[in-house]
Protein backbone atom coordinates (compact mmCIF):
# COMPACT_ATOMS: atom_id res chain seq x y z
CA UNK A 1 307.86 -56.03 142.56
CA UNK A 2 310.18 -53.19 143.98
CA UNK A 3 313.18 -54.66 142.28
CA UNK A 4 311.74 -54.62 138.90
CA UNK A 5 310.47 -51.18 139.75
CA UNK A 6 313.99 -50.16 140.51
CA UNK A 7 315.23 -51.71 137.47
CA UNK A 8 313.17 -50.25 135.08
CA UNK A 9 313.75 -46.45 136.57
CA UNK A 10 317.71 -47.60 136.41
CA UNK A 11 317.01 -48.56 132.76
CA UNK A 12 314.86 -45.43 131.71
CA UNK A 13 317.40 -43.44 133.49
CA UNK A 14 320.12 -44.78 131.34
CA UNK A 15 318.38 -44.64 128.51
CA UNK A 16 317.51 -41.16 129.37
CA UNK A 17 321.10 -40.31 129.95
CA UNK A 18 322.06 -42.01 126.38
CA UNK A 19 319.36 -39.99 124.57
CA UNK A 20 320.70 -36.90 125.89
CA UNK A 21 324.27 -37.79 124.77
CA UNK A 22 323.42 -38.70 121.59
CA UNK A 23 321.30 -35.38 120.92
CA UNK A 24 324.42 -33.45 122.23
CA UNK A 25 326.38 -35.32 119.58
CA UNK A 26 324.03 -34.59 117.10
CA UNK A 27 324.01 -30.80 117.85
CA UNK A 28 328.00 -30.77 118.04
CA UNK A 29 327.71 -32.57 114.35
CA UNK A 30 325.51 -29.91 113.26
CA UNK A 31 327.29 -26.97 114.90
CA UNK A 32 331.03 -28.37 113.11
CA UNK A 33 329.17 -28.87 110.12
CA UNK A 34 328.01 -25.03 110.14
CA UNK A 35 331.44 -23.87 111.50
CA UNK A 36 333.17 -25.59 108.44
CA UNK A 37 330.94 -24.28 105.81
CA UNK A 38 330.99 -20.90 107.35
CA UNK A 39 334.81 -20.32 107.42
CA UNK A 40 335.70 -22.60 104.65
CA UNK A 41 338.16 -24.68 106.68
CA UNK A 42 339.66 -28.04 105.94
CA UNK A 43 338.67 -29.16 109.33
CA UNK A 44 336.91 -32.95 109.59
CA UNK A 45 334.22 -34.03 112.38
CA UNK A 46 334.85 -35.24 115.59
CA UNK A 47 332.39 -37.72 117.41
CA UNK A 48 332.86 -39.31 121.05
CA UNK A 49 332.73 -43.12 121.31
CA UNK A 50 328.77 -43.21 122.34
CA UNK A 51 326.87 -44.29 119.27
CA UNK A 52 328.35 -46.53 115.97
CA UNK A 53 325.97 -45.39 114.07
CA UNK A 54 326.43 -41.75 114.73
CA UNK A 55 330.33 -42.76 114.05
CA UNK A 56 329.57 -44.32 110.82
CA UNK A 57 327.42 -41.09 109.62
CA UNK A 58 330.34 -38.65 110.76
CA UNK A 59 332.86 -40.99 109.03
CA UNK A 60 330.70 -40.77 105.70
CA UNK A 61 330.52 -36.76 106.33
CA UNK A 62 334.31 -36.37 106.36
CA UNK A 63 334.16 -38.62 103.45
CA UNK A 64 331.66 -36.07 101.68
CA UNK A 65 333.80 -33.25 103.18
CA UNK A 66 336.99 -34.63 101.12
CA UNK A 67 335.41 -34.80 98.25
CA UNK A 68 333.62 -31.34 98.20
CA UNK A 69 337.17 -30.14 99.14
CA UNK A 70 338.92 -31.99 95.84
CA UNK A 71 336.02 -30.41 93.66
CA UNK A 72 336.63 -26.75 95.08
CA UNK A 73 340.73 -27.53 94.49
CA UNK A 74 339.78 -29.24 90.89
CA UNK A 75 337.42 -26.11 89.84
CA UNK A 76 339.99 -23.69 90.92
CA UNK A 77 342.81 -25.58 88.85
CA UNK A 78 340.27 -25.35 85.81
CA UNK A 79 339.58 -21.77 86.40
CA UNK A 80 343.12 -21.03 86.30
CA UNK A 81 343.78 -23.51 83.30
CA UNK A 82 340.85 -21.46 81.53
CA UNK A 83 342.53 -17.99 82.00
CA UNK A 84 346.09 -19.71 81.29
CA UNK A 85 344.04 -20.98 78.08
CA UNK A 86 342.70 -17.77 77.69
CA UNK A 87 346.23 -15.86 77.69
CA UNK A 88 347.75 -18.59 75.52
CA UNK A 89 344.96 -17.83 72.99
CA UNK A 90 345.23 -14.24 72.74
CA UNK A 91 348.97 -14.46 72.36
CA UNK A 92 348.85 -16.99 69.59
CA UNK A 93 346.23 -15.14 67.56
CA UNK A 94 347.49 -11.48 68.48
CA UNK A 95 351.20 -12.35 67.28
CA UNK A 96 350.23 -13.61 63.40
CA UNK A 97 347.45 -10.90 63.18
CA UNK A 98 349.95 -7.92 64.27
CA UNK A 99 352.03 -9.30 61.64
CA UNK A 100 349.62 -9.45 58.99
CA UNK A 101 348.17 -6.17 59.74
CA UNK A 102 351.47 -4.68 59.51
CA UNK A 103 352.24 -6.18 56.10
CA UNK A 104 349.07 -5.03 54.82
CA UNK A 105 349.97 -1.49 55.91
CA UNK A 106 353.13 -2.07 54.12
CA UNK A 107 351.35 -3.08 51.01
CA UNK A 108 349.71 0.20 50.92
CA UNK A 109 352.47 2.46 50.89
CA UNK A 110 353.12 4.51 47.50
CA UNK A 111 356.67 3.63 47.80
CA UNK A 112 356.66 -0.08 47.76
CA UNK A 113 358.07 -1.76 44.98
CA UNK A 114 356.15 -4.60 43.23
CA UNK A 115 358.84 -6.75 44.52
CA UNK A 116 358.42 -6.00 47.85
CA UNK A 117 354.53 -6.21 47.74
CA UNK A 118 354.92 -9.66 46.38
CA UNK A 119 357.49 -10.25 49.39
CA UNK A 120 355.20 -8.83 52.16
CA UNK A 121 351.97 -10.49 50.32
CA UNK A 122 353.98 -13.96 50.77
CA UNK A 123 354.81 -13.39 54.21
CA UNK A 124 351.15 -12.24 55.26
CA UNK A 125 349.84 -15.43 53.79
CA UNK A 126 352.15 -17.70 55.46
CA UNK A 127 351.43 -16.00 58.89
CA UNK A 128 347.43 -16.30 57.86
CA UNK A 129 348.33 -20.00 57.19
CA UNK A 130 349.93 -20.42 60.49
CA UNK A 131 346.73 -18.91 62.25
CA UNK A 132 344.44 -20.91 60.35
CA UNK A 133 346.65 -23.80 61.76
CA UNK A 134 345.87 -22.84 65.23
CA UNK A 135 342.42 -22.14 65.05
CA UNK A 136 341.79 -25.46 63.24
CA UNK A 137 344.24 -27.54 66.00
CA UNK A 138 342.12 -25.60 69.04
CA UNK A 139 338.69 -26.27 67.71
CA UNK A 140 339.55 -30.07 66.98
CA UNK A 141 341.18 -30.27 70.68
CA UNK A 142 337.85 -28.70 72.18
CA UNK A 143 335.77 -31.61 69.95
CA UNK A 144 337.89 -33.92 71.54
CA UNK A 145 337.63 -32.69 75.11
CA UNK A 146 333.92 -32.11 74.75
CA UNK A 147 331.85 -34.67 76.54
CA UNK A 148 329.59 -35.94 73.44
CA UNK A 149 332.74 -36.47 71.26
CA UNK A 150 332.20 -39.78 69.40
CA UNK A 151 334.55 -42.07 68.09
CA UNK A 152 333.93 -45.31 65.84
CA UNK A 153 336.05 -48.03 67.31
CA UNK A 154 337.06 -50.88 64.63
CA UNK A 155 339.66 -53.48 64.21
CA UNK A 156 342.95 -52.02 62.66
CA UNK A 157 346.28 -53.28 61.57
CA UNK A 158 348.51 -50.91 63.76
CA UNK A 159 351.82 -51.78 61.88
CA UNK A 160 350.49 -50.97 58.75
CA UNK A 161 348.94 -47.62 59.43
CA UNK A 162 352.26 -46.19 60.87
CA UNK A 163 354.54 -47.69 57.87
CA UNK A 164 352.42 -45.96 55.53
CA UNK A 165 352.57 -42.59 57.50
CA UNK A 166 356.49 -42.92 58.20
CA UNK A 167 356.64 -43.45 54.17
CA UNK A 168 354.61 -40.62 53.67
CA UNK A 169 356.63 -38.31 55.79
CA UNK A 170 360.10 -39.66 54.87
CA UNK A 171 361.03 -36.63 52.49
CA UNK A 172 360.47 -34.12 55.65
CA UNK A 173 362.92 -36.39 57.23
CA UNK A 174 365.16 -35.94 54.51
CA UNK A 175 364.54 -31.97 54.07
CA UNK A 176 365.88 -31.82 57.79
CA UNK A 177 368.68 -33.97 56.93
CA UNK A 178 367.74 -36.83 59.25
CA UNK A 179 367.36 -40.42 58.34
CA UNK A 180 365.37 -41.88 61.08
CA UNK A 181 365.90 -45.36 62.63
CA UNK A 182 362.92 -47.23 61.90
CA UNK A 183 361.98 -50.55 63.77
CA UNK A 184 358.44 -51.75 62.93
CA UNK A 185 357.31 -55.10 63.58
CA UNK A 186 356.59 -57.40 60.27
CA UNK A 187 353.99 -59.21 61.98
CA UNK A 188 350.45 -57.86 62.02
CA UNK A 189 349.59 -56.37 65.08
CA UNK A 190 345.91 -55.59 65.54
CA UNK A 191 344.25 -53.17 68.06
CA UNK A 192 341.03 -51.40 68.63
CA UNK A 193 341.04 -47.71 67.46
CA UNK A 194 339.62 -45.20 65.27
CA UNK A 195 341.91 -45.21 61.77
CA UNK A 196 341.57 -41.43 61.10
CA UNK A 197 342.09 -40.45 64.79
CA UNK A 198 345.25 -43.27 64.34
CA UNK A 199 346.74 -41.51 62.03
CA UNK A 200 346.36 -38.07 63.32
CA UNK A 201 348.14 -39.32 66.54
CA UNK A 202 351.31 -40.62 64.46
CA UNK A 203 351.22 -37.73 62.26
CA UNK A 204 351.33 -35.23 65.06
CA UNK A 205 353.84 -37.32 66.95
CA UNK A 206 356.67 -37.30 63.60
CA UNK A 207 355.82 -33.70 63.10
CA UNK A 208 356.57 -33.20 66.83
CA UNK A 209 359.75 -35.22 66.13
CA UNK A 210 360.47 -33.18 63.21
CA UNK A 211 360.24 -30.23 64.41
CA UNK A 212 362.28 -30.31 67.33
CA UNK A 213 364.78 -32.97 66.82
CA UNK A 214 368.71 -32.37 66.71
CA UNK A 215 369.68 -34.90 64.26
CA UNK A 216 368.50 -38.03 65.67
CA UNK A 217 365.05 -40.13 65.19
CA UNK A 218 363.67 -43.04 66.03
CA UNK A 219 360.70 -45.00 65.58
CA UNK A 220 359.44 -48.42 66.72
CA UNK A 221 356.36 -50.77 67.11
CA UNK A 222 357.25 -53.40 69.81
CA UNK A 223 355.20 -56.06 71.70
CA UNK A 224 355.26 -56.47 75.55
CA UNK A 225 352.68 -58.39 77.22
CA UNK A 226 349.99 -58.31 74.38
CA UNK A 227 350.62 -54.55 74.35
CA UNK A 228 351.50 -52.58 71.40
CA UNK A 229 354.23 -49.96 72.29
CA UNK A 230 354.85 -47.25 69.49
CA UNK A 231 358.18 -45.21 70.37
CA UNK A 232 358.45 -42.20 68.87
CA UNK A 233 362.16 -40.51 70.08
CA UNK A 234 364.19 -37.63 68.92
CA UNK A 235 367.01 -35.93 70.45
CA UNK A 236 366.61 -32.61 71.79
CA UNK A 237 368.19 -29.16 73.45
CA UNK A 238 367.74 -27.95 76.79
CA UNK A 239 364.19 -29.96 77.49
CA UNK A 240 363.78 -30.63 81.50
CA UNK A 241 361.86 -33.12 83.54
CA UNK A 242 359.61 -30.12 84.15
CA UNK A 243 359.18 -29.82 80.30
CA UNK A 244 358.11 -33.58 80.04
CA UNK A 245 355.62 -33.21 82.82
CA UNK A 246 353.83 -30.69 81.20
CA UNK A 247 354.41 -31.36 77.60
CA UNK A 248 350.84 -33.12 77.06
CA UNK A 249 349.14 -30.06 78.65
CA UNK A 250 347.49 -27.46 75.80
CA UNK A 251 349.86 -24.71 74.72
CA UNK A 252 352.55 -25.79 76.48
CA UNK A 253 356.05 -25.24 75.01
CA UNK A 254 359.43 -25.75 76.55
CA UNK A 255 360.25 -22.33 74.57
CA UNK A 256 359.04 -19.97 77.36
CA UNK A 257 359.13 -17.21 74.82
CA UNK A 258 356.29 -18.95 72.65
CA UNK A 259 358.43 -17.97 69.55
CA UNK A 260 358.91 -21.74 68.40
CA UNK A 261 356.69 -23.24 65.04
CA UNK A 262 354.21 -25.27 66.57
CA UNK A 263 351.16 -23.97 68.25
CA UNK A 264 351.27 -26.43 71.50
CA UNK A 265 348.30 -27.88 70.78
CA UNK A 266 349.48 -30.98 68.72
CA UNK A 267 350.58 -33.57 71.78
CA UNK A 268 347.33 -31.98 73.55
CA UNK A 269 345.24 -33.52 70.63
CA UNK A 270 347.51 -36.93 70.51
CA UNK A 271 346.88 -37.58 74.19
CA UNK A 272 343.23 -36.90 73.59
CA UNK A 273 342.74 -39.28 71.10
CA UNK A 274 344.77 -41.84 72.34
CA UNK A 275 342.52 -41.71 75.90
CA UNK A 276 339.51 -41.64 73.82
CA UNK A 277 340.80 -45.02 71.85
CA UNK A 278 341.51 -46.33 75.45
CA UNK A 279 345.21 -46.25 75.04
CA UNK A 280 347.70 -45.01 77.38
CA UNK A 281 350.14 -41.92 76.23
CA UNK A 282 353.45 -41.15 78.31
CA UNK A 283 356.89 -39.20 77.79
CA UNK A 284 360.48 -39.24 79.47
CA UNK A 285 363.81 -38.08 78.75
CA UNK A 286 367.06 -40.59 79.24
CA UNK A 287 370.05 -38.06 78.61
CA UNK A 288 369.48 -35.76 75.27
CA UNK A 289 366.53 -38.39 73.95
CA UNK A 290 362.99 -37.57 74.46
CA UNK A 291 360.83 -40.49 74.25
CA UNK A 292 357.14 -40.82 73.42
CA UNK A 293 355.21 -43.64 74.06
CA UNK A 294 351.92 -44.81 72.96
CA UNK A 295 350.17 -48.34 74.11
CA UNK A 296 347.28 -49.98 73.15
CA UNK A 297 345.87 -53.24 73.89
CA UNK A 298 346.73 -55.98 70.97
CA UNK A 299 343.43 -57.96 70.03
CA UNK A 300 343.66 -61.62 68.85
CA UNK A 301 341.91 -62.15 65.44
């Protein structure tokens, strides 16, 4: 009887000590969380090897802290991106608006000839149209990036759409003195996409090539392991790997003075639409050749 009592006392003492240690660990975890939240430190919880459940709890809390840190970093990136976007919009709106206002002031001068007034009016109109393009592009991009943007996916003949758009833009190639190298599969290639969005993607890719090519443009459609790859290439001046990494960002231009012809939104719109259609888009530079690859999964008919 005495032995049983002694064993029970030992068990009670052991349980009491264990309970005390677990309580200390819980208090330690709580203090660590308070300290992390108060000091905004990038720290992890540390737990002694006493209770597996507490170890698992600390592990899950650390995962949550990591996710919280990632969200904070992402929020900072989004805020910086928003500030940069606002700055770019302000710059791109102010430049043509200032120009338009200036030409209107010239038109009001009494000593302005009719010929000069006509020239000023035409210039102001061109600047107004460039402003309209910028606003339309930004509005379209904001729609594409919104969570509730709807896209109507359907089976489309990829190669036919490419051929039609390339043919429609052929005069633009001729106007800049470039005969494009076109290699598009004759066999029918079907993918799941939205017809009008796919047309916009191809139009923007060709416009980008026409705008920045030195003297070479290539357009091809190939198949690799059930993937249709539209590749648009052009040679270009002074493009770096850093530029290629940023090329799909909103308002990004390799021309740091932002004095180019584009709005800096065309390729951002392309990326948004391609991803909405479950495709993939990448860019690279080989020598002086800038390449953009659009990949879509082929479907069997």
